[in-house]
């Protein structure tokens, strides 16, 4: 089995097309289409996604989110709270937000394009979110 190369923080810098599918156990499916940009900020990278969220049966709505990626591929919410650490070679990461568990799987096989799948479970949450990042610059 070949070793999977490790990704460094600087390799993410740039602009990507972002397509996301969200599948809920007990709600209509949703999708998100937009852009994701990793740009230099201090010792790390600011991550900002913006686009259109469409939930079946509802009007599409603008949606955006910002995170901070620090050295060591440590990801923080925009308010500074730690979120999770991205595995440099791909694989799983997790985040506990009482009472919910967020588990991500990063797939870097098609680098510089890549995918992330989040599985979210808890008393009131049960969904899967698949995001595909396609490099555009």
Foldseek 3Di string as FASTA:
>chain_A
DDAFDFAWQVLLAAKWWKKKWKDFPPFFIKIWTWMWGWDDDPQHTKIKTWTWIGGPPDDIDIDMAIWTQHGQRFIGGPVGHTAWRAGRRWQWIWGCDVPKIWIKTKACPPPVKTKIKIAMDDPPGGMIMIMTIGGDD
